[in-house]
């Protein structure tokens, strides 16, 4: 199995798509964080919003890792089933 089998065009498209979506989400969370720091004074509301934001960012990162892993695993299985495994 060559390197091109592991990184086919479909895999690269999926990785780029997931990366762009997650980057856009992280940037929007940064923007919301900036708005919260400026627009909401110190207090319970600000703490709640920031804690929810941190939680969502962690979940978003885990979803990103899962999606990339799933796409790579699916492609590996497809390549292994469609071609004979050659040991050198």
C-alpha atoms as a PDB file:
ATOM      1  CA  UNK A   1       0.000   0.000   0.000  1.00  0.00           C
ATOM      2  CA  UNK A   2       1.620   3.189  -1.155  1.00  0.00           C
ATOM      3  CA  UNK A   3       1.382   6.644   0.323  1.00  0.00           C
ATOM      4  CA  UNK A   4      -1.077   7.665  -2.410  1.00  0.00           C
ATOM      5  CA  UNK A   5      -3.471   4.931  -1.238  1.00  0.00           C
ATOM      6  CA  UNK A   6      -3.592   6.471   2.222  1.00  0.00           C
ATOM      7  CA  UNK A   7      -4.015  10.038   1.053  1.00  0.00           C
ATOM      8  CA  UNK A   8      -6.326   9.837  -1.917  1.00  0.00           C
ATOM      9  CA  UNK A   9      -8.171  12.849  -3.252  1.00  0.00           C
ATOM     10  CA  UNK A  10     -11.348  11.938  -1.344  1.00  0.00           C
ATOM     11  CA  UNK A  11      -9.420  11.751   1.936  1.00  0.00           C
ATOM     12  CA  UNK A  12      -7.724  15.068   1.337  1.00  0.00           C
ATOM     13  CA  UNK A  13     -11.040  16.698   0.405  1.00  0.00           C
ATOM     14  CA  UNK A  14     -12.651  15.388   3.608  1.00  0.00           C
ATOM     15  CA  UNK A  15      -9.743  16.553   5.775  1.00  0.00           C
ATOM     16  CA  UNK A  16      -9.758  20.016   4.182  1.00  0.00           C
ATOM     17  CA  UNK A  17     -13.555  20.261   4.573  1.00  0.00           C
ATOM     18  CA  UNK A  18     -13.429  19.294   8.275  1.00  0.00           C
ATOM     19  CA  UNK A  19     -10.473  21.595   8.915  1.00  0.00           C
ATOM     20  CA  UNK A  20     -12.168  24.590   7.277  1.00  0.00           C
ATOM     21  CA  UNK A  21     -15.417  24.038   9.162  1.00  0.00           C
ATOM     22  CA  UNK A  22     -13.660  23.658  12.505  1.00  0.00           C
ATOM     23  CA  UNK A  23     -11.467  26.688  11.841  1.00  0.00           C
ATOM     24  CA  UNK A  24     -14.545  28.771  11.027  1.00  0.00           C
ATOM     25  CA  UNK A  25     -16.225  27.566  14.222  1.00  0.00           C
ATOM     26  CA  UNK A  26     -13.166  28.374  16.349  1.00  0.00           C
ATOM     27  CA  UNK A  27     -12.919  31.848  14.820  1.00  0.00           C
ATOM     28  CA  UNK A  28     -16.608  32.480  15.491  1.00  0.00           C
ATOM     29  CA  UNK A  29     -16.139  31.390  19.110  1.00  0.00           C
ATOM     30  CA  UNK A  30     -13.187  33.778  19.405  1.00  0.00           C
ATOM     31  CA  UNK A  31     -15.406  36.557  18.074  1.00  0.00           C
ATOM     32  CA  UNK A  32     -18.189  35.697  20.535  1.00  0.00           C
ATOM     33  CA  UNK A  33     -15.643  35.620  23.362  1.00  0.00           C
ATOM     34  CA  UNK A  34     -14.436  39.076  22.401  1.00  0.00           C
ATOM     35  CA  UNK A  35     -18.037  40.370  22.322  1.00  0.00           C
ATOM     36  CA  UNK A  36     -18.719  38.849  25.747  1.00  0.00           C
ATOM     37  CA  UNK A  37     -15.625  40.444  27.272  1.00  0.00           C
ATOM     38  CA  UNK A  38     -16.603  43.855  25.905  1.00  0.00           C
ATOM     39  CA  UNK A  39     -20.390  43.701  26.137  1.00  0.00           C
ATOM     40  CA  UNK A  40     -21.032  41.858  29.399  1.00  0.00           C
ATOM     41  CA  UNK A  41     -19.697  43.158  32.671  1.00  0.00           C
ATOM     42  CA  UNK A  42     -18.039  41.044  35.314  1.00  0.00           C
ATOM     43  CA  UNK A  43     -20.376  38.612  37.002  1.00  0.00           C
ATOM     44  CA  UNK A  44     -22.165  35.320  36.863  1.00  0.00           C
ATOM     45  CA  UNK A  45     -23.450  35.711  33.300  1.00  0.00           C
ATOM     46  CA  UNK A  46     -19.959  36.265  31.929  1.00  0.00           C
ATOM     47  CA  UNK A  47     -18.608  33.251  33.833  1.00  0.00           C
ATOM     48  CA  UNK A  48     -21.434  31.033  32.543  1.00  0.00           C
ATOM     49  CA  UNK A  49     -20.943  32.118  28.939  1.00  0.00           C
ATOM     50  CA  UNK A  50     -17.173  31.584  29.105  1.00  0.00           C
ATOM     51  CA  UNK A  51     -17.563  28.127  30.682  1.00  0.00           C
ATOM     52  CA  UNK A  52     -20.073  27.049  28.039  1.00  0.00           C
ATOM     53  CA  UNK A  53     -17.742  28.395  25.359  1.00  0.00           C
ATOM     54  CA  UNK A  54     -14.787  26.398  26.718  1.00  0.00           C
ATOM     55  CA  UNK A  55     -16.897  23.237  26.865  1.00  0.00           C
ATOM     56  CA  UNK A  56     -18.154  23.669  23.303  1.00  0.00           C
ATOM     57  CA  UNK A  57     -14.613  24.273  22.017  1.00  0.00           C
ATOM     58  CA  UNK A  58     -13.408  21.037  23.610  1.00  0.00           C
ATOM     59  CA  UNK A  59     -16.368  19.127  22.139  1.00  0.00           C
ATOM     60  CA  UNK A  60     -15.733  20.735  18.750  1.00  0.00           C
ATOM     61  CA  UNK A  61     -12.093  19.633  18.865  1.00  0.00           C
ATOM     62  CA  UNK A  62     -13.102  16.078  19.771  1.00  0.00           C
ATOM     63  CA  UNK A  63     -15.643  15.982  16.922  1.00  0.00           C
ATOM     64  CA  UNK A  64     -12.932  17.235  14.564  1.00  0.00           C
ATOM     65  CA  UNK A  65     -10.569  14.449  15.664  1.00  0.00           C
ATOM     66  CA  UNK A  66     -13.332  11.843  15.362  1.00  0.00           C
ATOM     67  CA  UNK A  67     -14.312  12.971  11.846  1.00  0.00           C
ATOM     68  CA  UNK A  68     -10.751  12.924  10.569  1.00  0.00           C
ATOM     69  CA  UNK A  69     -10.100   9.550  12.187  1.00  0.00           C
ATOM     70  CA  UNK A  70     -13.329   8.123  10.780  1.00  0.00           C
ATOM     71  CA  UNK A  71     -12.572   9.345   7.248  1.00  0.00           C
ATOM     72  CA  UNK A  72      -9.035   7.984   7.369  1.00  0.00           C
ATOM     73  CA  UNK A  73     -10.175   4.643   8.816  1.00  0.00           C
ATOM     74  CA  UNK A  74     -12.911   4.313   6.170  1.00  0.00           C
ATOM     75  CA  UNK A  75     -10.385   4.980   3.419  1.00  0.00           C
ATOM     76  CA  UNK A  76      -7.888   2.501   4.883  1.00  0.00           C
ATOM     77  CA  UNK A  77     -10.545  -0.217   5.022  1.00  0.00           C
ATOM     78  CA  UNK A  78     -11.634   0.538   1.471  1.00  0.00           C
ATOM     79  CA  UNK A  79      -8.051   0.313   0.206  1.00  0.00           C
ATOM     80  CA  UNK A  80      -7.302  -2.878   2.098  1.00  0.00           C
ATOM     81  CA  UNK A  81     -10.442  -4.603   0.801  1.00  0.00           C
ATOM     82  CA  UNK A  82      -9.943  -3.449  -2.795  1.00  0.00           C
ATOM     83  CA  UNK A  83      -6.272  -4.393  -3.185  1.00  0.00           C
ATOM     84  CA  UNK A  84      -4.197  -7.344  -2.098  1.00  0.00           C
ATOM     85  CA  UNK A  85      -1.952  -6.766   0.889  1.00  0.00           C
ATOM     86  CA  UNK A  86       1.666  -7.158  -0.189  1.00  0.00           C
ATOM     87  CA  UNK A  87       4.418  -7.741   2.356  1.00  0.00           C
ATOM     88  CA  UNK A  88       7.915  -6.865   1.164  1.00  0.00           C
END
